[in-house]
C-alpha atoms as a PDB file:
ATOM      1  CA  UNK A   1     -21.115  -5.131  12.572  1.00  0.00           C
ATOM      2  CA  UNK A   2     -18.024  -3.233  13.700  1.00  0.00           C
ATOM      3  CA  UNK A   3     -15.278  -2.646  11.129  1.00  0.00           C
ATOM      4  CA  UNK A   4     -12.842  -4.794  13.110  1.00  0.00           C
ATOM      5  CA  UNK A   5     -15.139  -7.844  13.238  1.00  0.00           C
ATOM      6  CA  UNK A   6     -13.719 -10.626  11.110  1.00  0.00           C
ATOM      7  CA  UNK A   7     -14.985 -13.651   9.201  1.00  0.00           C
ATOM      8  CA  UNK A   8     -13.565 -17.124   9.106  1.00  0.00           C
ATOM      9  CA  UNK A   9     -11.041 -17.039   6.220  1.00  0.00           C
ATOM     10  CA  UNK A  10     -12.914 -17.737   3.008  1.00  0.00           C
ATOM     11  CA  UNK A  11     -16.215 -16.263   4.213  1.00  0.00           C
ATOM     12  CA  UNK A  12     -16.347 -12.613   3.178  1.00  0.00           C
ATOM     13  CA  UNK A  13     -17.819  -9.857   5.277  1.00  0.00           C
ATOM     14  CA  UNK A  14     -20.900  -8.167   3.860  1.00  0.00           C
ATOM     15  CA  UNK A  15     -20.404  -4.975   1.925  1.00  0.00           C
ATOM     16  CA  UNK A  16     -21.549  -2.043   4.035  1.00  0.00           C
ATOM     17  CA  UNK A  17     -23.579   0.833   2.562  1.00  0.00           C
ATOM     18  CA  UNK A  18     -21.293   3.199   0.658  1.00  0.00           C
ATOM     19  CA  UNK A  19     -18.513   0.603   0.399  1.00  0.00           C
ATOM     20  CA  UNK A  20     -17.373  -1.147  -2.760  1.00  0.00           C
ATOM     21  CA  UNK A  21     -15.615  -4.091  -1.097  1.00  0.00           C
ATOM     22  CA  UNK A  22     -16.016  -6.326   1.943  1.00  0.00           C
ATOM     23  CA  UNK A  23     -12.384  -5.656   2.890  1.00  0.00           C
ATOM     24  CA  UNK A  24     -10.989  -4.578   6.228  1.00  0.00           C
ATOM     25  CA  UNK A  25      -8.868  -1.738   4.833  1.00  0.00           C
ATOM     26  CA  UNK A  26     -11.890   0.038   3.390  1.00  0.00           C
ATOM     27  CA  UNK A  27     -13.789  -0.487   6.651  1.00  0.00           C
ATOM     28  CA  UNK A  28     -10.962   0.977   8.724  1.00  0.00           C
ATOM     29  CA  UNK A  29     -10.592   4.016   6.471  1.00  0.00           C
ATOM     30  CA  UNK A  30     -14.304   4.749   6.194  1.00  0.00           C
ATOM     31  CA  UNK A  31     -14.664   4.394   9.970  1.00  0.00           C
ATOM     32  CA  UNK A  32     -12.282   7.334  10.407  1.00  0.00           C
ATOM     33  CA  UNK A  33      -9.539   5.273  12.073  1.00  0.00           C
ATOM     34  CA  UNK A  34      -5.931   6.016  11.138  1.00  0.00           C
ATOM     35  CA  UNK A  35      -4.873   3.132   8.897  1.00  0.00           C
ATOM     36  CA  UNK A  36      -1.464   1.485   8.740  1.00  0.00           C
ATOM     37  CA  UNK A  37      -0.315  -0.599   5.788  1.00  0.00           C
ATOM     38  CA  UNK A  38       3.070  -2.179   5.116  1.00  0.00           C
ATOM     39  CA  UNK A  39       4.932  -3.727   2.222  1.00  0.00           C
ATOM     40  CA  UNK A  40       5.896  -7.396   2.108  1.00  0.00           C
ATOM     41  CA  UNK A  41       9.156  -8.128   0.334  1.00  0.00           C
ATOM     42  CA  UNK A  42       8.182 -11.098  -1.877  1.00  0.00           C
ATOM     43  CA  UNK A  43      10.505 -14.102  -1.688  1.00  0.00           C
ATOM     44  CA  UNK A  44      12.748 -15.508  -4.377  1.00  0.00           C
ATOM     45  CA  UNK A  45      11.258 -18.850  -3.499  1.00  0.00           C
ATOM     46  CA  UNK A  46       8.374 -21.230  -4.164  1.00  0.00           C
ATOM     47  CA  UNK A  47       7.979 -22.066  -0.470  1.00  0.00           C
ATOM     48  CA  UNK A  48       4.704 -20.658   0.932  1.00  0.00           C
ATOM     49  CA  UNK A  49       6.196 -20.591   4.415  1.00  0.00           C
ATOM     50  CA  UNK A  50       8.585 -17.881   3.232  1.00  0.00           C
ATOM     51  CA  UNK A  51       5.535 -15.680   2.603  1.00  0.00           C
ATOM     52  CA  UNK A  52       3.917 -16.496   5.944  1.00  0.00           C
ATOM     53  CA  UNK A  53       7.118 -15.811   7.874  1.00  0.00           C
ATOM     54  CA  UNK A  54       7.396 -12.420   6.241  1.00  0.00           C
ATOM     55  CA  UNK A  55       3.751 -11.584   6.936  1.00  0.00           C
ATOM     56  CA  UNK A  56       3.846 -12.559  10.621  1.00  0.00           C
ATOM     57  CA  UNK A  57       6.193  -9.704  11.534  1.00  0.00           C
ATOM     58  CA  UNK A  58       3.303  -7.328  10.821  1.00  0.00           C
ATOM     59  CA  UNK A  59       0.767  -9.133  13.056  1.00  0.00           C
ATOM     60  CA  UNK A  60      -1.211  -6.716  15.286  1.00  0.00           C
ATOM     61  CA  UNK A  61       0.365  -3.623  13.704  1.00  0.00           C
ATOM     62  CA  UNK A  62      -0.980  -3.212  10.152  1.00  0.00           C
ATOM     63  CA  UNK A  63      -4.416  -3.197   8.547  1.00  0.00           C
ATOM     64  CA  UNK A  64      -3.294  -4.504   5.156  1.00  0.00           C
ATOM     65  CA  UNK A  65      -0.156  -5.899   3.535  1.00  0.00           C
ATOM     66  CA  UNK A  66       0.994  -4.829   0.072  1.00  0.00           C
ATOM     67  CA  UNK A  67       2.180  -7.631  -2.191  1.00  0.00           C
ATOM     68  CA  UNK A  68       4.511  -5.956  -4.666  1.00  0.00           C
ATOM     69  CA  UNK A  69       4.412  -6.793  -8.375  1.00  0.00           C
ATOM     70  CA  UNK A  70       7.963  -6.969  -9.668  1.00  0.00           C
ATOM     71  CA  UNK A  71       8.992  -3.841  -7.782  1.00  0.00           C
ATOM     72  CA  UNK A  72      11.902  -2.086  -9.443  1.00  0.00           C
ATOM     73  CA  UNK A  73      11.417  -4.419 -12.431  1.00  0.00           C
ATOM     74  CA  UNK A  74      13.045  -7.231 -10.438  1.00  0.00           C
ATOM     75  CA  UNK A  75      11.712 -10.783 -10.497  1.00  0.00           C
ATOM     76  CA  UNK A  76      10.166 -12.295  -7.333  1.00  0.00           C
ATOM     77  CA  UNK A  77       7.127 -14.389  -6.449  1.00  0.00           C
ATOM     78  CA  UNK A  78       4.128 -12.782  -8.159  1.00  0.00           C
ATOM     79  CA  UNK A  79       1.760 -10.436  -6.382  1.00  0.00           C
ATOM     80  CA  UNK A  80      -1.209 -12.636  -7.285  1.00  0.00           C
ATOM     81  CA  UNK A  81       0.468 -15.708  -5.739  1.00  0.00           C
ATOM     82  CA  UNK A  82       1.457 -13.877  -2.551  1.00  0.00           C
ATOM     83  CA  UNK A  83      -2.128 -12.625  -2.199  1.00  0.00           C
ATOM     84  CA  UNK A  84      -3.489 -16.144  -2.756  1.00  0.00           C
ATOM     85  CA  UNK A  85      -1.377 -17.391   0.146  1.00  0.00           C
ATOM     86  CA  UNK A  86      -2.228 -14.462   2.423  1.00  0.00           C
ATOM     87  CA  UNK A  87      -5.982 -14.744   1.867  1.00  0.00           C
ATOM     88  CA  UNK A  88      -5.865 -18.471   2.735  1.00  0.00           C
ATOM     89  CA  UNK A  89      -5.240 -17.584   6.358  1.00  0.00           C
ATOM     90  CA  UNK A  90      -7.244 -14.352   6.478  1.00  0.00           C
ATOM     91  CA  UNK A  91      -4.721 -11.566   5.968  1.00  0.00           C
ATOM     92  CA  UNK A  92      -5.924  -8.439   4.133  1.00  0.00           C
ATOM     93  CA  UNK A  93      -3.580  -8.016   1.156  1.00  0.00           C
ATOM     94  CA  UNK A  94      -3.243  -5.157  -1.288  1.00  0.00           C
ATOM     95  CA  UNK A  95      -2.564  -6.719  -4.673  1.00  0.00           C
ATOM     96  CA  UNK A  96      -0.311  -4.509  -6.739  1.00  0.00           C
ATOM     97  CA  UNK A  97      -0.875  -4.644 -10.493  1.00  0.00           C
ATOM     98  CA  UNK A  98       1.862  -3.305 -12.754  1.00  0.00           C
ATOM     99  CA  UNK A  99       1.184  -2.488 -16.395  1.00  0.00           C
ATOM    100  CA  UNK A 100       4.786  -3.198 -17.322  1.00  0.00           C
ATOM    101  CA  UNK A 101       4.450  -6.969 -17.767  1.00  0.00           C
ATOM    102  CA  UNK A 102       0.857  -7.689 -18.826  1.00  0.00           C
ATOM    103  CA  UNK A 103      -1.610  -6.604 -21.480  1.00  0.00           C
ATOM    104  CA  UNK A 104      -5.243  -5.777 -20.792  1.00  0.00           C
ATOM    105  CA  UNK A 105      -6.364  -9.399 -21.282  1.00  0.00           C
ATOM    106  CA  UNK A 106      -4.032 -10.677 -18.564  1.00  0.00           C
ATOM    107  CA  UNK A 107      -4.716  -7.742 -16.254  1.00  0.00           C
ATOM    108  CA  UNK A 108      -8.488  -8.204 -16.352  1.00  0.00           C
ATOM    109  CA  UNK A 109      -8.015 -11.904 -15.685  1.00  0.00           C
ATOM    110  CA  UNK A 110      -5.865 -11.101 -12.646  1.00  0.00           C
ATOM    111  CA  UNK A 111      -8.478  -8.699 -11.287  1.00  0.00           C
ATOM    112  CA  UNK A 112     -11.117 -11.428 -11.498  1.00  0.00           C
ATOM    113  CA  UNK A 113      -8.775 -14.064 -10.090  1.00  0.00           C
ATOM    114  CA  UNK A 114      -7.668 -11.910  -7.192  1.00  0.00           C
ATOM    115  CA  UNK A 115     -11.227 -10.932  -6.309  1.00  0.00           C
ATOM    116  CA  UNK A 116     -12.325 -14.581  -6.471  1.00  0.00           C
ATOM    117  CA  UNK A 117      -9.667 -15.442  -3.868  1.00  0.00           C
ATOM    118  CA  UNK A 118     -10.900 -12.738  -1.522  1.00  0.00           C
ATOM    119  CA  UNK A 119      -8.492  -9.941  -2.410  1.00  0.00           C
ATOM    120  CA  UNK A 120     -10.448  -6.772  -1.663  1.00  0.00           C
ATOM    121  CA  UNK A 121      -7.749  -4.159  -2.338  1.00  0.00           C
ATOM    122  CA  UNK A 122      -5.853  -3.574  -5.576  1.00  0.00           C
ATOM    123  CA  UNK A 123      -3.215  -0.927  -6.278  1.00  0.00           C
ATOM    124  CA  UNK A 124      -2.908   0.093  -9.930  1.00  0.00           C
ATOM    125  CA  UNK A 125       0.593   1.022 -11.074  1.00  0.00           C
ATOM    126  CA  UNK A 126       2.214   1.850 -14.384  1.00  0.00           C
ATOM    127  CA  UNK A 127       5.404   0.112 -13.246  1.00  0.00           C
ATOM    128  CA  UNK A 128       9.126   0.770 -13.505  1.00  0.00           C
ATOM    129  CA  UNK A 129      10.829   0.303 -16.855  1.00  0.00           C
ATOM    130  CA  UNK A 130      12.595  -3.007 -17.432  1.00  0.00           C
ATOM    131  CA  UNK A 131      15.946  -1.248 -17.735  1.00  0.00           C
ATOM    132  CA  UNK A 132      15.805  -0.568 -13.984  1.00  0.00           C
ATOM    133  CA  UNK A 133      15.677  -4.232 -12.998  1.00  0.00           C
ATOM    134  CA  UNK A 134      17.523  -7.529 -13.156  1.00  0.00           C
ATOM    135  CA  UNK A 135      16.135  -8.521 -16.582  1.00  0.00           C
ATOM    136  CA  UNK A 136      16.863  -5.474 -18.784  1.00  0.00           C
ATOM    137  CA  UNK A 137      16.555  -7.688 -21.868  1.00  0.00           C
ATOM    138  CA  UNK A 138      12.857  -8.348 -21.092  1.00  0.00           C
ATOM    139  CA  UNK A 139      10.214  -6.942 -23.415  1.00  0.00           C
ATOM    140  CA  UNK A 140       8.051  -4.308 -21.702  1.00  0.00           C
ATOM    141  CA  UNK A 141       4.312  -4.412 -22.372  1.00  0.00           C
ATOM    142  CA  UNK A 142       2.759  -1.159 -21.105  1.00  0.00           C
ATOM    143  CA  UNK A 143      -0.474  -1.865 -22.970  1.00  0.00           C
ATOM    144  CA  UNK A 144      -2.084   0.307 -20.273  1.00  0.00           C
ATOM    145  CA  UNK A 145      -0.973   2.927 -17.794  1.00  0.00           C
ATOM    146  CA  UNK A 146      -2.257   3.336 -14.239  1.00  0.00           C
ATOM    147  CA  UNK A 147      -5.089   5.659 -15.339  1.00  0.00           C
ATOM    148  CA  UNK A 148      -6.481   3.317 -17.983  1.00  0.00           C
ATOM    149  CA  UNK A 149      -6.023   0.364 -15.626  1.00  0.00           C
ATOM    150  CA  UNK A 150      -8.087   2.150 -12.970  1.00  0.00           C
ATOM    151  CA  UNK A 151     -10.806   2.898 -15.510  1.00  0.00           C
ATOM    152  CA  UNK A 152     -10.938  -0.739 -16.637  1.00  0.00           C
ATOM    153  CA  UNK A 153     -11.087  -2.004 -13.057  1.00  0.00           C
ATOM    154  CA  UNK A 154     -13.860   0.410 -12.179  1.00  0.00           C
ATOM    155  CA  UNK A 155     -15.797  -0.609 -15.288  1.00  0.00           C
ATOM    156  CA  UNK A 156     -15.517  -4.269 -14.316  1.00  0.00           C
ATOM    157  CA  UNK A 157     -16.736  -3.548 -10.796  1.00  0.00           C
ATOM    158  CA  UNK A 158     -19.429  -0.934 -11.404  1.00  0.00           C
ATOM    159  CA  UNK A 159     -20.665  -1.762 -14.909  1.00  0.00           C
ATOM    160  CA  UNK A 160     -20.173  -5.541 -14.681  1.00  0.00           C
ATOM    161  CA  UNK A 161     -18.351  -5.855 -17.992  1.00  0.00           C
ATOM    162  CA  UNK A 162     -14.917  -6.306 -19.528  1.00  0.00           C
ATOM    163  CA  UNK A 163     -13.409  -3.448 -21.488  1.00  0.00           C
ATOM    164  CA  UNK A 164     -14.555  -5.298 -24.609  1.00  0.00           C
ATOM    165  CA  UNK A 165     -18.162  -4.904 -23.480  1.00  0.00           C
ATOM    166  CA  UNK A 166     -18.698  -8.580 -22.687  1.00  0.00           C
ATOM    167  CA  UNK A 167     -20.758  -8.972 -19.520  1.00  0.00           C
ATOM    168  CA  UNK A 168     -19.473 -10.412 -16.240  1.00  0.00           C
ATOM    169  CA  UNK A 169     -21.680 -12.869 -14.379  1.00  0.00           C
ATOM    170  CA  UNK A 170     -20.226 -11.683 -11.039  1.00  0.00           C
ATOM    171  CA  UNK A 171     -18.228  -8.465 -10.747  1.00  0.00           C
ATOM    172  CA  UNK A 172     -15.098  -8.015  -8.624  1.00  0.00           C
ATOM    173  CA  UNK A 173     -15.852  -6.324  -5.303  1.00  0.00           C
ATOM    174  CA  UNK A 174     -12.695  -4.300  -4.994  1.00  0.00           C
ATOM    175  CA  UNK A 175     -11.336  -1.157  -3.326  1.00  0.00           C
ATOM    176  CA  UNK A 176      -9.039   0.385  -5.955  1.00  0.00           C
ATOM    177  CA  UNK A 177      -5.946   2.418  -5.210  1.00  0.00           C
ATOM    178  CA  UNK A 178      -3.079   4.174  -6.942  1.00  0.00           C
ATOM    179  CA  UNK A 179       0.321   5.599  -6.100  1.00  0.00           C
ATOM    180  CA  UNK A 180       1.290   9.265  -5.898  1.00  0.00           C
ATOM    181  CA  UNK A 181       4.536  11.141  -5.507  1.00  0.00           C
ATOM    182  CA  UNK A 182       4.131  14.569  -3.851  1.00  0.00           C
ATOM    183  CA  UNK A 183       7.855  15.200  -4.322  1.00  0.00           C
ATOM    184  CA  UNK A 184       8.283  14.525  -8.042  1.00  0.00           C
ATOM    185  CA  UNK A 185       9.031  17.211 -10.578  1.00  0.00           C
ATOM    186  CA  UNK A 186       7.380  19.436 -11.545  1.00  0.00           C
ATOM    187  CA  UNK A 187       5.945  19.733  -8.034  1.00  0.00           C
ATOM    188  CA  UNK A 188       3.131  22.093  -9.070  1.00  0.00           C
ATOM    189  CA  UNK A 189       1.628  19.300 -11.191  1.00  0.00           C
ATOM    190  CA  UNK A 190       1.504  16.581  -8.534  1.00  0.00           C
ATOM    191  CA  UNK A 191      -1.931  17.426  -7.098  1.00  0.00           C
ATOM    192  CA  UNK A 192      -3.457  17.710 -10.578  1.00  0.00           C
ATOM    193  CA  UNK A 193      -2.070  14.297 -11.482  1.00  0.00           C
ATOM    194  CA  UNK A 194      -3.617  12.877  -8.321  1.00  0.00           C
ATOM    195  CA  UNK A 195      -6.932  14.417  -9.355  1.00  0.00           C
ATOM    196  CA  UNK A 196      -6.759  12.534 -12.664  1.00  0.00           C
ATOM    197  CA  UNK A 197      -6.223   9.255 -10.826  1.00  0.00           C
ATOM    198  CA  UNK A 198      -9.191   9.934  -8.571  1.00  0.00           C
ATOM    199  CA  UNK A 199     -11.320  10.721 -11.619  1.00  0.00           C
ATOM    200  CA  UNK A 200     -10.183   7.433 -13.170  1.00  0.00           C
ATOM    201  CA  UNK A 201     -11.324   5.472 -10.136  1.00  0.00           C
ATOM    202  CA  UNK A 202      -8.712   5.626  -7.354  1.00  0.00           C
ATOM    203  CA  UNK A 203     -10.335   5.399  -3.924  1.00  0.00           C
ATOM    204  CA  UNK A 204      -7.138   5.296  -1.870  1.00  0.00           C
ATOM    205  CA  UNK A 205      -3.614   6.536  -2.486  1.00  0.00           C
ATOM    206  CA  UNK A 206      -0.273   5.322  -1.175  1.00  0.00           C
ATOM    207  CA  UNK A 207       2.494   7.885  -1.663  1.00  0.00           C
ATOM    208  CA  UNK A 208       6.215   7.657  -2.270  1.00  0.00           C
ATOM    209  CA  UNK A 209       8.493   7.949   0.789  1.00  0.00           C
ATOM    210  CA  UNK A 210       7.999  11.213   2.662  1.00  0.00           C
ATOM    211  CA  UNK A 211      11.031  12.830   4.290  1.00  0.00           C
ATOM    212  CA  UNK A 212      10.101  16.427   3.427  1.00  0.00           C
ATOM    213  CA  UNK A 213       7.254  17.523   5.700  1.00  0.00           C
ATOM    214  CA  UNK A 214       6.891  21.114   4.383  1.00  0.00           C
ATOM    215  CA  UNK A 215       6.496  19.852   0.813  1.00  0.00           C
ATOM    216  CA  UNK A 216       3.963  17.245   1.943  1.00  0.00           C
ATOM    217  CA  UNK A 217       1.926  19.936   3.707  1.00  0.00           C
ATOM    218  CA  UNK A 218       1.924  22.058   0.553  1.00  0.00           C
ATOM    219  CA  UNK A 219       0.825  19.062  -1.510  1.00  0.00           C
ATOM    220  CA  UNK A 220      -2.019  18.249   0.885  1.00  0.00           C
ATOM    221  CA  UNK A 221      -3.190  21.858   0.783  1.00  0.00           C
ATOM    222  CA  UNK A 222      -3.235  21.712  -3.015  1.00  0.00           C
ATOM    223  CA  UNK A 223      -5.196  18.455  -2.835  1.00  0.00           C
ATOM    224  CA  UNK A 224      -7.692  20.106  -0.492  1.00  0.00           C
ATOM    225  CA  UNK A 225      -7.985  23.139  -2.769  1.00  0.00           C
ATOM    226  CA  UNK A 226      -8.968  20.775  -5.600  1.00  0.00           C
ATOM    227  CA  UNK A 227     -11.757  19.350  -3.431  1.00  0.00           C
ATOM    228  CA  UNK A 228     -10.263  15.862  -3.291  1.00  0.00           C
ATOM    229  CA  UNK A 229     -10.128  15.192   0.445  1.00  0.00           C
ATOM    230  CA  UNK A 230     -13.702  13.906   0.498  1.00  0.00           C
ATOM    231  CA  UNK A 231     -13.104  11.687  -2.527  1.00  0.00           C
ATOM    232  CA  UNK A 232      -9.964   9.726  -1.699  1.00  0.00           C
ATOM    233  CA  UNK A 233      -8.065   8.331   1.296  1.00  0.00           C
ATOM    234  CA  UNK A 234      -4.377   9.287   1.309  1.00  0.00           C
ATOM    235  CA  UNK A 235      -1.825   7.086   3.067  1.00  0.00           C
ATOM    236  CA  UNK A 236       1.598   8.717   3.264  1.00  0.00           C
ATOM    237  CA  UNK A 237       4.631   6.560   2.542  1.00  0.00           C
ATOM    238  CA  UNK A 238       7.211   6.400   5.331  1.00  0.00           C
ATOM    239  CA  UNK A 239      10.192   4.204   6.040  1.00  0.00           C
ATOM    240  CA  UNK A 240      13.313   3.869   8.208  1.00  0.00           C
ATOM    241  CA  UNK A 241      16.667   4.800   6.709  1.00  0.00           C
ATOM    242  CA  UNK A 242      19.499   2.475   7.734  1.00  0.00           C
ATOM    243  CA  UNK A 243      22.284   5.036   7.322  1.00  0.00           C
ATOM    244  CA  UNK A 244      23.309   8.319   5.720  1.00  0.00           C
ATOM    245  CA  UNK A 245      24.978   6.295   2.963  1.00  0.00           C
ATOM    246  CA  UNK A 246      21.709   4.478   2.277  1.00  0.00           C
ATOM    247  CA  UNK A 247      19.839   7.783   2.166  1.00  0.00           C
ATOM    248  CA  UNK A 248      22.358   9.227  -0.311  1.00  0.00           C
ATOM    249  CA  UNK A 249      22.036   6.152  -2.521  1.00  0.00           C
ATOM    250  CA  UNK A 250      18.229   6.249  -2.437  1.00  0.00           C
ATOM    251  CA  UNK A 251      17.899   9.879  -3.442  1.00  0.00           C
ATOM    252  CA  UNK A 252      20.405   9.369  -6.256  1.00  0.00           C
ATOM    253  CA  UNK A 253      19.170   6.047  -7.622  1.00  0.00           C
ATOM    254  CA  UNK A 254      15.491   5.583  -6.698  1.00  0.00           C
ATOM    255  CA  UNK A 255      13.224   7.629  -9.006  1.00  0.00           C
ATOM    256  CA  UNK A 256      10.962  10.061  -7.183  1.00  0.00           C
ATOM    257  CA  UNK A 257      12.610   9.774  -3.751  1.00  0.00           C
ATOM    258  CA  UNK A 258      13.474  13.169  -2.257  1.00  0.00           C
ATOM    259  CA  UNK A 259      15.520  13.211   0.945  1.00  0.00           C
ATOM    260  CA  UNK A 260      16.495  16.673   2.229  1.00  0.00           C
ATOM    261  CA  UNK A 261      20.101  17.395   3.173  1.00  0.00           C
ATOM    262  CA  UNK A 262      19.024  17.994   6.783  1.00  0.00           C
ATOM    263  CA  UNK A 263      17.837  14.386   7.128  1.00  0.00           C
ATOM    264  CA  UNK A 264      21.121  13.007   5.771  1.00  0.00           C
ATOM    265  CA  UNK A 265      23.121  15.324   8.027  1.00  0.00           C
ATOM    266  CA  UNK A 266      21.133  14.136  11.060  1.00  0.00           C
ATOM    267  CA  UNK A 267      21.808  10.496  10.170  1.00  0.00           C
ATOM    268  CA  UNK A 268      25.497  11.129   9.537  1.00  0.00           C
ATOM    269  CA  UNK A 269      25.865  12.766  12.947  1.00  0.00           C
ATOM    270  CA  UNK A 270      24.217   9.937  14.866  1.00  0.00           C
ATOM    271  CA  UNK A 271      26.259   7.387  16.799  1.00  0.00           C
ATOM    272  CA  UNK A 272      23.814   4.616  15.816  1.00  0.00           C
ATOM    273  CA  UNK A 273      22.504   5.559  12.402  1.00  0.00           C
ATOM    274  CA  UNK A 274      19.958   2.721  12.027  1.00  0.00           C
ATOM    275  CA  UNK A 275      18.405   3.636  15.378  1.00  0.00           C
ATOM    276  CA  UNK A 276      18.290   7.291  14.332  1.00  0.00           C
ATOM    277  CA  UNK A 277      16.678   6.278  11.048  1.00  0.00           C
ATOM    278  CA  UNK A 278      13.878   4.525  12.930  1.00  0.00           C
ATOM    279  CA  UNK A 279      13.442   7.565  15.182  1.00  0.00           C
ATOM    280  CA  UNK A 280      13.128   9.857  12.150  1.00  0.00           C
ATOM    281  CA  UNK A 281      10.460   7.529  10.750  1.00  0.00           C
ATOM    282  CA  UNK A 282       8.549   7.545  14.046  1.00  0.00           C
ATOM    283  CA  UNK A 283       8.632  11.340  14.202  1.00  0.00           C
ATOM    284  CA  UNK A 284       7.487  11.571  10.587  1.00  0.00           C
ATOM    285  CA  UNK A 285       4.490   9.312  11.285  1.00  0.00           C
ATOM    286  CA  UNK A 286       3.518  11.404  14.299  1.00  0.00           C
ATOM    287  CA  UNK A 287       3.766  14.615  12.297  1.00  0.00           C
ATOM    288  CA  UNK A 288       1.929  13.466   9.173  1.00  0.00           C
ATOM    289  CA  UNK A 289      -0.814  12.160  11.476  1.00  0.00           C
ATOM    290  CA  UNK A 290      -1.634  15.791  12.262  1.00  0.00           C
ATOM    291  CA  UNK A 291      -1.998  16.934   8.638  1.00  0.00           C
ATOM    292  CA  UNK A 292      -5.561  17.412   7.493  1.00  0.00           C
ATOM    293  CA  UNK A 293      -6.541  14.821   4.907  1.00  0.00           C
ATOM    294  CA  UNK A 294      -3.931  12.189   5.796  1.00  0.00           C
ATOM    295  CA  UNK A 295      -5.867   8.973   6.451  1.00  0.00           C
ATOM    296  CA  UNK A 296      -2.963   6.701   7.304  1.00  0.00           C
ATOM    297  CA  UNK A 297       0.614   5.698   6.614  1.00  0.00           C
ATOM    298  CA  UNK A 298       2.171   3.107   4.329  1.00  0.00           C
ATOM    299  CA  UNK A 299       5.339   1.767   5.965  1.00  0.00           C
ATOM    300  CA  UNK A 300       8.010   0.621   3.510  1.00  0.00           C
ATOM    301  CA  UNK A 301      10.865  -0.942   5.465  1.00  0.00           C
ATOM    302  CA  UNK A 302      12.848  -2.761   2.780  1.00  0.00           C
ATOM    303  CA  UNK A 303      14.958  -5.463   4.460  1.00  0.00           C
ATOM    304  CA  UNK A 304      13.984  -3.935   7.808  1.00  0.00           C
ATOM    305  CA  UNK A 305      10.505  -5.447   8.068  1.00  0.00           C
ATOM    306  CA  UNK A 306      11.221  -6.570  11.632  1.00  0.00           C
ATOM    307  CA  UNK A 307      11.361  -2.893  12.644  1.00  0.00           C
ATOM    308  CA  UNK A 308       7.772  -2.114  11.582  1.00  0.00           C
ATOM    309  CA  UNK A 309       6.201  -3.289  14.844  1.00  0.00           C
ATOM    310  CA  UNK A 310       8.549  -1.113  16.912  1.00  0.00           C
ATOM    311  CA  UNK A 311       8.008   1.902  14.668  1.00  0.00           C
ATOM    312  CA  UNK A 312       4.205   1.653  14.727  1.00  0.00           C
ATOM    313  CA  UNK A 313       4.130   0.929  18.468  1.00  0.00           C
ATOM    314  CA  UNK A 314       6.375   3.843  19.393  1.00  0.00           C
ATOM    315  CA  UNK A 315       4.550   6.240  17.071  1.00  0.00           C
ATOM    316  CA  UNK A 316       1.320   5.669  18.996  1.00  0.00           C
ATOM    317  CA  UNK A 317      -0.869   6.167  15.923  1.00  0.00           C
ATOM    318  CA  UNK A 318      -2.963   3.049  16.501  1.00  0.00           C
ATOM    319  CA  UNK A 319      -4.159   4.582  19.789  1.00  0.00           C
ATOM    320  CA  UNK A 320      -4.658   1.174  21.389  1.00  0.00           C
ATOM    321  CA  UNK A 321      -6.364  -0.387  18.374  1.00  0.00           C
ATOM    322  CA  UNK A 322      -5.176  -3.892  17.478  1.00  0.00           C
ATOM    323  CA  UNK A 323      -5.527  -4.594  13.739  1.00  0.00           C
ATOM    324  CA  UNK A 324      -6.794  -8.090  12.959  1.00  0.00           C
ATOM    325  CA  UNK A 325      -4.346 -10.885  12.210  1.00  0.00           C
ATOM    326  CA  UNK A 326      -4.739 -14.700  12.130  1.00  0.00           C
ATOM    327  CA  UNK A 327      -5.288 -15.932  15.665  1.00  0.00           C
ATOM    328  CA  UNK A 328      -5.815 -12.490  17.186  1.00  0.00           C
ATOM    329  CA  UNK A 329      -9.184 -13.149  18.758  1.00  0.00           C
ATOM    330  CA  UNK A 330      -8.104 -16.473  20.259  1.00  0.00           C
ATOM    331  CA  UNK A 331      -5.007 -14.850  21.757  1.00  0.00           C
ATOM    332  CA  UNK A 332      -7.026 -11.992  23.226  1.00  0.00           C
ATOM    333  CA  UNK A 333      -9.489 -14.463  24.750  1.00  0.00           C
ATOM    334  CA  UNK A 334      -6.633 -16.449  26.293  1.00  0.00           C
ATOM    335  CA  UNK A 335      -5.195 -13.273  27.790  1.00  0.00           C
ATOM    336  CA  UNK A 336      -8.582 -12.405  29.295  1.00  0.00           C
ATOM    337  CA  UNK A 337      -8.965 -15.862  30.789  1.00  0.00           C
ATOM    338  CA  UNK A 338      -5.509 -15.792  32.386  1.00  0.00           C
ATOM    339  CA  UNK A 339      -5.744 -12.203  33.618  1.00  0.00           C
END
């Protein structure tokens, strides 16, 4: 079976040799194709159609859709609920799990629940502190951090047991990931921290926004020197900047985001700054595509989700490949019949 072949929603693909999940994202990455993932901004709503409308803008352009888990410590529809809706119609979600809001009992229950619904990809995060969000009076949990969460998830999958030692009757078949920031301080420690996440169980990595190509190249060389390129798939975070003012705000207020002065100067000098921001993102995708060890990109276009299709299309990184989406095969067949 080819990696792009798809089941009817609800009927999982078989797990191929060397894979830990039946998911499409793992199949794409292990096939050697350049993967594209994107981030869905969860709604402040209980209407499932709000989720589906937001997902449809990615159709034919991404291999998996991240469902954020209280990103920035702000309250939205939960990651688990968004994933439940997406898997109903066959999308490949990445369920983000933040340690900020749940203890190890709740987290292990969510891993089982997500896997039971067909979620094949889970991203383990420590999470932003509550003081950063819209409920600063909330009580943070942080029973675990991303490393211990990865270890627990791997134990559930590979050893078929809870952290307590109690046996599972059916283990979650999951492709586990983590986040990384090549641009955080101290920079010389970033590759070593990634190594610890890989040792804990991370199989894929999605990085913070990349606007500094030289620093990314140095980071990837350090990762290679540690012998990690054969152990983990790295998807570099990219995203369009709406304006120079937005870029200034992000590098001042968003932890871990590094935007060089040259990028802000280029935006400020553009007649149409949003268009220039998309062009910078396209160029960044094309350039990171050439770096050894980069397996894909993670496109974060906050409140610009409609621009993802244009950015991916113009970057050319899919090289004619059409990622699966609900109704793809029927549409392709119709096109063939009318050609």
